[in-house]
Amino acid sequence: MKRSILIVYRPAAGRYLAQFRNVVAAAAELGVRSVVLMPTGEQAPETEGLPVHRADLESTTAFRAAVDAIVAEYPIERIFPLFEGDVLPAARARRDHAIPGLTPDQAINFRDKNVMHTRAEELGVRVARSCRPDTLGVVEEFADRVGYPVVIKPYAGWACGSTYRVDDRTRLSEVWQEMGDDRHEYRVEEFVHGTEFHVDSLLRDGEVVFEQLSRYTYSVLEYRDEPGGTISRKYDLTPPEQRILELNATVLRGFGMRTGVAHAEFFLLDDGEVVFGEVGARAGGGSIVPAVQAGRGINLAGEWARLELDPDHRTDARLGPEIGTEYLTSGRYGRITDISTPEELKALDKVLDADVWKSVGEVLAPPVASNDVLGWYVCEGTDYDDVLARFKTIRDSFRVETEQA
């Protein structure tokens, strides 16, 4: 029977089209059939010609039952979940059918931030101090001890959804009411004052075969107030930046990843110490994948598929110039009457790629998550400061006009 893989794909949950297409293309190059598992009711023209199954992906039971049916029909040898929320259910389905990849015990290290930080500490990696919000008194005592602000977040969330920066007891009382009966779904961390970096990696057999260090140009928690940007750091790394890469490898191997893709976040403190933030067993969100592709010549998701499926494949990424990517945002809300096109943005100097997710007639509302934006662009520059300056020029050229909805 023809070799087959299963791609868990959510067209409406995020911006995964390019990742999906690259996994399918990589598999096809190797003579491997792609089978798709999608949420019930969703359609996607990019799946045309492929076997498609649908299930309620919010139910782990339904997810596993769907995989049972797929495995009964196709010889599935790998499962590729593109969305953060499908990492653990996919691991359970792998265990059900002895499919290589992250096991549930390993996947939970990448999904449950309580487990994640405990395991990182076992590996000797510094993490933010934290507590469970069992009672309001526990959180008040913790905040008094570590100092405000503190961060309250879902222990298994993504994209800063339902994540709160709490600056005082008044705000804590408000957030406590907002959490309501769901406080067991949250964790509380001290706010880490430092420069935030991320590392996007590929592993094969426990060895890092690709790594890209990048520096955020904003605080991820402040996505409502400033555009989300990130700039690569490829040249003349400082010793603390080198240390981030070393700790990233320690975390990924220590969490149990053998072959796969990962997106990890770290903080660099003023004294040179490094604090681990979190890590996901998936390609970076937003425009990180197109930024890596523009700058390094590889698609992280497609390369993951090649590493899994071809024992002779070797990752060959170019180094190139420093690359930056920034979300497109607007302080204007209401119905869009005019907006820049991707082609207009790509015509700007040093812009390598761009995408606009909103169009005339859609209604803009205040963002509720860090990836709730209008689109993105990727540009190149000589160094961090040069790319940062280009960000302002491109941002000022982006046009959005609205009227009251």
Protein backbone atom coordinates (compact mmCIF):
# COMPACT_ATOMS: atom_id res chain seq x y z
CA MET A 1 0.00 0.00 0.00
CA LYS A 2 1.11 3.57 -0.68
CA ARG A 3 2.93 5.31 2.16
CA SER A 4 0.62 7.82 3.86
CA ILE A 5 0.70 10.62 6.42
CA LEU A 6 -2.08 12.35 8.32
CA ILE A 7 -2.19 16.16 8.46
CA VAL A 8 -4.44 17.67 11.13
CA TYR A 9 -5.50 20.93 9.52
CA ARG A 10 -7.75 23.72 10.79
CA PRO A 11 -8.35 26.22 7.97
CA ALA A 12 -10.43 28.56 10.14
CA ALA A 13 -8.34 28.39 13.34
CA GLY A 14 -5.25 30.22 12.15
CA ARG A 15 -2.97 31.04 9.26
CA TYR A 16 -1.80 27.56 8.28
CA LEU A 17 -2.35 27.48 4.52
CA ALA A 18 1.33 27.78 3.54
CA GLN A 19 2.34 25.21 6.16
CA PHE A 20 -0.32 22.79 4.94
CA ARG A 21 0.69 23.16 1.31
CA ASN A 22 4.36 22.68 2.12
CA VAL A 23 3.75 19.48 4.08
CA VAL A 24 1.63 18.12 1.22
CA ALA A 25 4.29 19.12 -1.32
CA ALA A 26 7.13 17.56 0.70
CA ALA A 27 5.19 14.32 1.05
CA ALA A 28 4.32 14.26 -2.65
CA GLU A 29 7.97 14.69 -3.62
CA LEU A 30 8.69 11.51 -1.67
CA GLY A 31 5.77 9.57 -3.11
CA VAL A 32 3.80 9.79 0.13
CA ARG A 33 0.03 10.38 0.16
CA SER A 34 -1.41 13.09 2.43
CA VAL A 35 -4.64 12.33 4.27
CA VAL A 36 -6.37 15.29 5.94
CA LEU A 37 -8.31 15.48 9.19
CA MET A 38 -10.36 18.69 9.50
CA PRO A 39 -13.01 20.06 11.86
CA THR A 40 -16.60 19.05 11.16
CA GLY A 41 -18.28 21.38 8.69
CA GLU A 42 -15.15 23.13 7.44
CA GLN A 43 -14.23 23.29 3.76
CA ALA A 44 -10.87 24.11 2.19
CA PRO A 45 -10.22 24.22 -1.57
CA GLU A 46 -6.54 23.44 -0.97
CA THR A 47 -7.52 19.90 0.11
CA GLU A 48 -9.05 19.10 -3.29
CA GLY A 49 -7.84 15.76 -4.58
CA LEU A 50 -6.80 14.55 -1.13
CA PRO A 51 -8.65 12.09 1.13
CA VAL A 52 -10.42 14.25 3.72
CA HIS A 53 -11.99 13.12 7.00
CA ARG A 54 -13.82 15.38 9.45
CA ALA A 55 -14.45 15.20 13.18
CA ASP A 56 -15.14 17.35 16.22
CA LEU A 57 -11.50 18.15 16.94
CA GLU A 58 -12.43 19.77 20.26
CA SER A 59 -13.27 16.28 21.52
CA THR A 60 -10.24 14.05 22.10
CA THR A 61 -12.53 11.02 21.92
CA ALA A 62 -13.85 12.08 18.51
CA PHE A 63 -10.32 12.93 17.36
CA ARG A 64 -9.00 9.49 18.26
CA ALA A 65 -12.01 7.73 16.77
CA ALA A 66 -11.46 9.60 13.50
CA VAL A 67 -7.81 8.53 13.46
CA ASP A 68 -8.89 4.94 14.17
CA ALA A 69 -11.03 5.03 11.02
CA ILE A 70 -8.28 6.66 8.95
CA VAL A 71 -5.62 4.17 10.06
CA ALA A 72 -7.96 1.31 9.17
CA GLU A 73 -8.03 2.61 5.60
CA TYR A 74 -4.53 4.07 5.06
CA PRO A 75 -1.06 3.00 6.29
CA ILE A 76 -0.39 6.18 8.26
CA GLU A 77 3.27 6.43 9.28
CA ARG A 78 3.36 9.98 10.69
CA ILE A 79 0.88 12.54 12.06
CA PHE A 80 1.47 16.27 11.54
CA PRO A 81 -0.65 18.57 13.77
CA LEU A 82 -0.18 22.18 12.60
CA PHE A 83 -2.23 23.84 15.36
CA GLU A 84 -1.11 24.09 18.97
CA GLY A 85 -4.33 22.64 20.35
CA ASP A 86 -3.96 19.44 18.33
CA VAL A 87 -0.47 18.50 19.59
CA LEU A 88 -1.63 16.42 22.56
CA PRO A 89 -4.59 14.68 20.85
CA ALA A 90 -2.26 13.78 17.97
CA ALA A 91 0.19 12.28 20.45
CA ARG A 92 -2.57 10.15 21.94
CA ALA A 93 -3.55 8.95 18.47
CA ARG A 94 0.11 8.06 17.78
CA ARG A 95 0.17 5.95 20.93
CA ASP A 96 -3.06 4.23 19.91
CA HIS A 97 -1.46 3.04 16.68
CA ALA A 98 2.27 2.88 17.50
CA ILE A 99 3.03 5.75 15.10
CA PRO A 100 6.46 7.38 15.66
CA GLY A 101 6.58 10.93 17.06
CA LEU A 102 5.83 12.72 20.31
CA THR A 103 4.15 10.48 22.88
CA PRO A 104 1.51 11.90 25.25
CA ASP A 105 4.06 11.98 28.10
CA GLN A 106 6.34 14.09 25.91
CA ALA A 107 3.62 16.21 24.30
CA ILE A 108 2.28 17.33 27.67
CA ASN A 109 5.67 18.95 28.33
CA PHE A 110 4.94 21.20 25.36
CA ARG A 111 1.29 21.93 26.17
CA ASP A 112 0.77 22.18 29.93
CA LYS A 113 2.68 25.19 31.21
CA ASN A 114 2.60 23.85 34.77
CA VAL A 115 4.33 20.67 33.61
CA MET A 116 6.50 22.66 31.20
CA HIS A 117 8.05 24.86 33.88
CA THR A 118 8.49 22.01 36.34
CA ARG A 119 10.32 19.94 33.73
CA ALA A 120 12.48 22.92 32.70
CA GLU A 121 13.53 23.42 36.32
CA GLU A 122 14.44 19.73 36.53
CA LEU A 123 16.73 20.35 33.56
CA GLY A 124 18.43 23.24 35.38
CA VAL A 125 16.74 25.95 33.32
CA ARG A 126 15.54 29.07 35.12
CA VAL A 127 11.82 29.88 34.88
CA ALA A 128 9.53 32.59 36.25
CA ARG A 129 8.23 32.05 39.76
CA SER A 130 4.61 30.92 39.69
CA CYS A 131 1.64 29.67 41.67
CA ARG A 132 -1.72 28.06 41.05
CA PRO A 133 -4.71 30.40 41.58
CA ASP A 134 -6.48 28.08 44.02
CA THR A 135 -7.82 31.03 46.01
CA LEU A 136 -7.70 34.80 45.72
CA GLY A 137 -5.67 34.90 48.91
CA VAL A 138 -2.99 32.66 47.43
CA VAL A 139 -2.64 34.96 44.41
CA GLU A 140 -2.59 38.11 46.55
CA GLU A 141 0.16 36.64 48.75
CA PHE A 142 2.15 35.58 45.67
CA ALA A 143 1.85 39.03 44.07
CA ASP A 144 2.88 40.74 47.32
CA ARG A 145 5.92 38.46 47.52
CA VAL A 146 7.20 38.72 43.92
CA GLY A 147 5.85 42.20 43.25
CA TYR A 148 3.36 43.52 40.73
CA PRO A 149 2.79 43.16 37.85
CA VAL A 150 1.98 39.46 37.63
CA VAL A 151 0.69 37.51 34.64
CA ILE A 152 -2.38 35.27 34.75
CA LYS A 153 -2.70 32.90 31.80
CA PRO A 154 -4.34 29.60 30.81
CA TYR A 155 -1.98 26.73 31.55
CA ALA A 156 -2.68 25.33 28.06
CA GLY A 157 -3.38 28.49 26.05
CA TRP A 158 -1.84 30.08 22.95
CA ALA A 159 -1.47 33.50 21.26
CA CYS A 160 -1.96 35.33 24.58
CA GLY A 161 -5.67 34.50 24.54
CA SER A 162 -7.31 35.09 27.96
CA THR A 163 -3.94 36.27 29.27
CA TYR A 164 -3.84 39.17 31.71
CA ARG A 165 -1.14 41.50 32.96
CA VAL A 166 -2.21 42.46 36.49
CA ASP A 167 -0.66 45.62 37.92
CA ASP A 168 -2.40 45.96 41.28
CA ARG A 169 -4.97 44.44 43.62
CA THR A 170 -7.83 46.32 41.99
CA ARG A 171 -7.06 44.77 38.63
CA LEU A 172 -6.54 41.40 40.30
CA SER A 173 -10.07 41.53 41.71
CA GLU A 174 -11.43 42.32 38.24
CA VAL A 175 -9.53 39.45 36.61
CA TRP A 176 -10.60 37.09 39.39
CA GLN A 177 -14.21 37.82 38.52
CA GLU A 178 -13.52 37.35 34.80
CA MET A 179 -11.96 33.92 35.42
CA GLY A 180 -14.96 32.90 37.51
CA ASP A 181 -15.38 29.15 37.90
CA ASP A 182 -12.58 28.46 35.42
CA ARG A 183 -9.68 29.48 37.66
CA HIS A 184 -8.41 25.89 37.68
CA GLU A 185 -7.60 26.43 33.97
CA TYR A 186 -5.09 29.20 34.84
CA ARG A 187 -1.66 29.74 36.33
CA VAL A 188 -0.02 32.86 37.79
CA GLU A 189 3.54 33.95 36.99
CA GLU A 190 5.77 36.80 38.01
CA PHE A 191 6.24 39.36 35.25
CA VAL A 192 9.73 38.95 33.80
CA HIS A 193 11.38 42.27 33.00
CA GLY A 194 13.70 41.54 30.11
CA THR A 195 14.16 41.41 26.36
CA GLU A 196 12.12 38.63 24.81
CA PHE A 197 13.58 36.28 22.19
CA HIS A 198 12.28 33.26 20.35
CA VAL A 199 14.04 30.29 18.81
CA ASP A 200 12.56 28.36 15.92
CA SER A 201 14.13 24.93 15.58
CA LEU A 202 14.12 21.65 13.71
CA LEU A 203 15.39 18.43 15.27
CA ARG A 204 16.27 15.06 13.84
CA ASP A 205 17.07 12.13 16.13
CA GLY A 206 17.56 14.49 19.06
CA GLU A 207 20.01 16.79 17.28
CA VAL A 208 19.24 20.39 16.35
CA VAL A 209 19.63 20.63 12.57
CA PHE A 210 18.24 24.16 12.24
CA GLU A 211 17.90 27.04 14.68
CA GLN A 212 16.90 30.66 14.19
CA LEU A 213 17.26 33.12 17.07
CA SER A 214 15.05 36.20 16.80
CA ARG A 215 14.32 39.15 19.04
CA TYR A 216 10.87 40.57 19.60
CA THR A 217 10.54 44.31 19.08
CA TYR A 218 7.65 44.56 21.53
CA SER A 219 6.27 42.95 24.65
CA VAL A 220 4.05 40.07 23.56
CA LEU A 221 1.63 40.88 26.37
CA GLU A 222 1.21 44.43 25.05
CA TYR A 223 -0.14 43.39 21.65
CA ARG A 224 -3.12 45.75 22.01
CA ASP A 225 -0.83 48.78 22.22
CA GLU A 226 2.03 48.14 19.79
CA PRO A 227 2.51 46.17 16.56
CA GLY A 228 4.01 42.73 16.95
CA GLY A 229 7.43 42.51 15.35
CA THR A 230 10.43 40.20 15.46
CA ILE A 231 13.91 40.49 13.94
CA SER A 232 16.41 37.70 13.34
CA ARG A 233 19.76 37.57 15.14
CA LYS A 234 22.20 35.67 12.94
CA TYR A 235 25.51 37.51 13.25
CA ASP A 236 27.85 38.42 16.12
CA LEU A 237 25.72 36.80 18.81
CA THR A 238 26.52 37.86 22.35
CA PRO A 239 27.39 35.21 24.96
CA PRO A 240 23.89 35.50 26.51
CA GLU A 241 22.31 35.02 23.08
CA GLN A 242 24.47 31.95 22.53
CA ARG A 243 23.29 30.77 25.94
CA ILE A 244 19.67 31.02 24.76
CA LEU A 245 20.44 28.63 21.91
CA GLU A 246 22.16 26.21 24.30
CA LEU A 247 19.20 26.26 26.69
CA ASN A 248 16.79 25.81 23.81
CA ALA A 249 18.53 22.57 22.82
CA THR A 250 18.53 21.45 26.46
CA VAL A 251 14.78 22.06 26.76
CA LEU A 252 13.82 20.37 23.50
CA ARG A 253 15.85 17.25 24.15
CA GLY A 254 14.88 17.19 27.81
CA PHE A 255 11.19 17.44 26.90
CA GLY A 256 11.56 14.34 24.75
CA MET A 257 11.55 15.70 21.20
CA ARG A 258 13.49 13.49 18.80
CA THR A 259 12.43 14.66 15.35
CA GLY A 260 10.17 17.66 15.00
CA VAL A 261 9.68 21.41 14.87
CA ALA A 262 9.52 23.77 17.85
CA HIS A 263 8.95 27.41 18.74
CA ALA A 264 10.42 28.47 22.11
CA GLU A 265 10.51 31.79 23.95
CA PHE A 266 13.13 33.10 26.37
CA PHE A 267 13.79 36.31 28.28
CA LEU A 268 17.22 37.93 28.54
CA LEU A 269 17.56 39.93 31.75
CA ASP A 270 19.68 43.03 32.16
CA ASP A 271 22.24 41.06 34.19
CA GLY A 272 22.72 38.56 31.36
CA GLU A 273 20.67 35.77 32.95
CA VAL A 274 18.27 33.82 30.72
CA VAL A 275 14.73 32.86 31.79
CA PHE A 276 12.73 30.25 29.88
CA GLY A 277 9.23 31.35 28.90
CA GLU A 278 7.46 28.57 27.04
CA VAL A 279 7.74 26.24 24.05
CA GLY A 280 5.37 24.66 21.55
CA ALA A 281 5.92 21.53 19.47
CA ARG A 282 4.84 23.27 16.29
CA ALA A 283 6.07 25.90 13.87
CA GLY A 284 5.98 29.51 15.04
CA GLY A 285 2.72 31.37 14.62
CA GLY A 286 1.78 34.48 12.74
CA SER A 287 4.35 35.43 10.12
CA ILE A 288 7.31 33.58 11.62
CA VAL A 289 7.13 30.75 9.08
CA PRO A 290 7.09 33.09 6.03
CA ALA A 291 9.87 35.16 7.62
CA VAL A 292 12.06 32.08 8.03
CA GLN A 293 11.22 31.01 4.50
CA ALA A 294 12.13 34.42 3.06
CA GLY A 295 15.35 34.65 5.04
CA ARG A 296 16.58 31.07 5.24
CA GLY A 297 14.99 29.38 2.24
CA ILE A 298 13.06 26.67 4.09
CA ASN A 299 9.47 26.27 5.20
CA LEU A 300 9.55 24.97 8.77
CA ALA A 301 6.50 22.72 8.39
CA GLY A 302 7.60 21.30 5.03
CA GLU A 303 11.11 20.72 6.34
CA TRP A 304 9.69 18.89 9.37
CA ALA A 305 7.88 16.56 6.99
CA ARG A 306 11.06 15.89 4.99
CA LEU A 307 13.04 15.13 8.15
CA GLU A 308 10.38 12.68 9.30
CA LEU A 309 9.88 10.93 5.97
CA ASP A 310 13.30 10.86 4.31
CA PRO A 311 16.22 9.40 6.30
CA ASP A 312 18.66 10.80 3.72
CA HIS A 313 17.36 14.38 3.82
CA ARG A 314 19.67 17.05 5.13
CA THR A 315 18.45 20.55 6.01
CA ASP A 316 20.26 23.11 3.87
CA ALA A 317 19.29 26.61 4.97
CA ARG A 318 21.04 29.72 3.73
CA LEU A 319 22.13 32.40 6.20
CA GLY A 320 21.32 35.58 4.26
CA PRO A 321 20.68 39.06 5.68
CA GLU A 322 18.84 39.86 8.88
CA ILE A 323 15.11 39.43 8.40
CA GLY A 324 12.28 41.17 10.19
CA THR A 325 8.55 40.61 10.21
CA GLU A 326 5.82 42.70 11.76
CA TYR A 327 2.08 42.38 12.09
CA LEU A 328 -0.13 44.89 10.32
CA THR A 329 -2.42 46.63 12.79
CA SER A 330 -4.70 49.63 12.93
CA GLY A 331 -6.18 51.82 15.59
CA ARG A 332 -9.19 52.37 13.35
CA TYR A 333 -12.29 50.28 14.04
CA GLY A 334 -15.44 49.85 12.03
CA ARG A 335 -16.18 48.69 8.47
CA ILE A 336 -13.18 48.80 6.17
CA THR A 337 -13.64 51.14 3.18
CA ASP A 338 -10.05 50.99 1.89
CA ILE A 339 -6.94 48.95 2.75
CA SER A 340 -3.49 48.42 1.25
CA THR A 341 -3.00 45.31 -0.85
CA PRO A 342 -0.17 42.78 -0.46
CA GLU A 343 1.13 43.85 -3.87
CA GLU A 344 1.41 47.47 -2.74
CA LEU A 345 3.38 46.42 0.32
CA LYS A 346 5.69 44.10 -1.63
CA ALA A 347 6.49 46.98 -3.97
CA LEU A 348 8.12 48.87 -1.06
CA ASP A 349 11.92 48.82 -0.77
CA LYS A 350 13.35 45.70 0.93
CA VAL A 351 9.93 44.11 1.49
CA LEU A 352 10.25 40.42 0.61
CA ASP A 353 6.74 39.16 1.28
CA ALA A 354 3.41 40.37 2.64
CA ASP A 355 -0.13 39.23 3.21
CA VAL A 356 -3.28 41.15 4.15
CA TRP A 357 -5.95 39.11 5.92
CA LYS A 358 -8.69 41.74 5.90
CA SER A 359 -10.57 43.24 2.99
CA VAL A 360 -13.01 46.04 2.18
CA GLY A 361 -16.36 45.42 3.84
CA GLU A 362 -15.04 43.52 6.86
CA VAL A 363 -15.46 45.04 10.30
CA LEU A 364 -12.46 45.79 12.50
CA ALA A 365 -12.86 45.40 16.26
CA PRO A 366 -10.31 45.64 19.10
CA PRO A 367 -8.00 42.57 19.19
CA VAL A 368 -8.60 39.79 21.70
CA ALA A 369 -5.40 37.78 21.04
CA SER A 370 -1.88 38.55 19.88
CA ASN A 371 -2.54 37.13 16.41
CA ASP A 372 -5.80 39.04 15.93
CA VAL A 373 -4.33 41.38 13.30
CA LEU A 374 -4.78 42.55 9.71
CA GLY A 375 -1.84 40.75 8.13
CA TRP A 376 1.96 40.89 8.04
CA TYR A 377 5.01 41.76 6.00
CA VAL A 378 8.60 40.51 5.86
CA CYS A 379 11.56 42.75 5.09
CA GLU A 380 15.35 42.57 5.11
CA GLY A 381 18.07 44.83 6.50
CA THR A 382 21.70 44.98 7.50
CA ASP A 383 21.18 44.64 11.24
CA TYR A 384 18.58 44.91 14.01
CA ASP A 385 18.47 48.72 14.01
CA ASP A 386 18.23 48.92 10.23
CA VAL A 387 15.31 46.50 10.14
CA LEU A 388 13.62 48.36 13.00
CA ALA A 389 13.85 51.62 11.04
CA ARG A 390 12.37 49.93 7.97
CA PHE A 391 9.47 48.76 10.10
CA LYS A 392 8.44 52.36 10.72
CA THR A 393 8.67 53.27 7.03
CA ILE A 394 6.55 50.29 5.99
CA ARG A 395 4.07 50.76 8.83
CA ASP A 396 3.58 54.41 7.86
CA SER A 397 2.89 53.31 4.27
CA PHE A 398 0.16 50.86 5.28
CA ARG A 399 -3.29 52.32 4.59
CA VAL A 400 -6.57 51.49 6.34
CA GLU A 401 -9.75 53.55 6.14
CA THR A 402 -12.93 52.69 8.03
CA GLU A 403 -16.43 53.94 8.66
CA GLN A 404 -18.78 53.29 11.54
CA ALA A 405 -20.28 49.83 11.22
